[in-house]
Amino acid sequence: MATLERLGPDDLKAVVTTYRDALRAHQAPINRLNVYPVPDGDTGTNMALTLESVVAGLDGTSGMPDVCQAISRGSLMGARGNSGVILSQILRGIADGCREHADVGAPELAKALSSASDAAYAAVMRPVEGTILTVVKAAAGGAATSEGSLCGMFDAAKAAGATALANTPEQLPVLKQAGVVDAGGAGFQLLLDAFLHVVDGRPLPEPEDVESAPAIEYTPEIDAAHDSVSDLRYEVMYFLEAPDETVPHFKNVWAGIGDSIVVVGGDGLWNCHIHTDDIGAAVEAALDAGRPRNIRVTDLLEQVEEERWVREAAVPEDEPDLEPVPTAVVAVATGEGIRRIFRSLGVQQIVSGGQSMNPSTEQLLTAVQAAPADEVVILPNNKNIIPVAEQVDTLTDKTVRVV
């Protein structure tokens, strides 16, 4: 294909659709990077769902103003979670930078990236470096210093963003302790890949195989690094219909009851996100300013525990050499305390799982095969796991009983 030097409205729509597809493909690997601000493993999911809303809003649009309006509106209305709300501002900044042009080249898009960075920082009450904000700012800086082709500008932006992303563990201790880069920043880099795919046809990066990727293992140091943020139990999100002049006071009220505060929008409609322990106060602030709608409350403690189980299940344990026994026991357990109790009772194999994170048949089969006996008893410890456990007997030469 010919390399493009300017992008029209259809090209911009292609970028957004390509970005949606890239986030779909990379959703699981990005989730695995998610340890900040809350290690709930949903950054990739939230970014992908935000783009689903944007792409849906592009149907029937034509002309740059119409396309840009749809991008801004779709990202505002469809933003999910902390990362999705910040991403909505990045997309809105890019759309605002393109809106007044019939088509856009390197100078206009470099300015649009700068506007995107400014909009993202402005949306967050307490910006933290080492996050998606840092990566977007670096990419915008790289684009601004580039002179020449559209392809060269995005190459410079991507290189600067990649350098900033690699450095995020030096800025956020929790990332360094977990051995990961920032999840949101990794998701943003795919936007630059989407632009380059449309500009010169280069293939999108292949997603990392989650099954073969090193699992993040929780440690006391990682838990301690979250104490300042993730001890807030609830995520509250809603749309606020209120006069724009009431929003500064609304944000100040929220600043006294929580963290991870992002409030974006304008013209009487705002998308609001907070982590807090006081759901009532978070909603009451909206009633004082205007009218909240589509209120969503997530128990972060439950979400973090579920993600912890997922990650623990992916971490291979150093099993001691097991002596052969007449009958071995495989137990499904949640949390290190319960696991220690089972080990002390002589259970040979333990599989992570519980009420909201059921192990797969393959995980149970692997544990049964590793058990040092021809007869194995599985303790599912949850009725939801019993049907899965009962399938194992048909998949192995060992005799398996579910209790």
Foldseek 3Di string as FASTA:
>chain_A
DDFDFKFALVLVLQLLVQLLVVLVQQLQVLLLLDPPLHNLSGLSVQQNQLSVQLNVQQPPADFLQRNLVSLLVSLFVRGDDLLSLLVSLLSNLQSVLRNVDRIDGLVSNLNSLVSSLVSSVVQFPDDAAQELSQLSNQLSVQLVPDDDGRLRSLVSSLVSSVVSQVCSCVRQVLSVLQVHTYSSSVSVSQSSVSSNCSRPNDDGDRHDDPLPDAFGADDVVNVVSNPVAPVQFKKKKWKAQAAPVLVVVLVVQLVVFFHSWGWDDDPRIIITITRGNDPPSNLVSSVVGGDTPPIDMDGSVVSSQLSNLVRVQSHDDDADDDDADAEAEEEEDGDPVVVVVCVVVPHRHYGYDDDVGADALVSLLVRVVPTRHLHYEYEDVDPVRVVRQVVNCVVDSGHYHYD
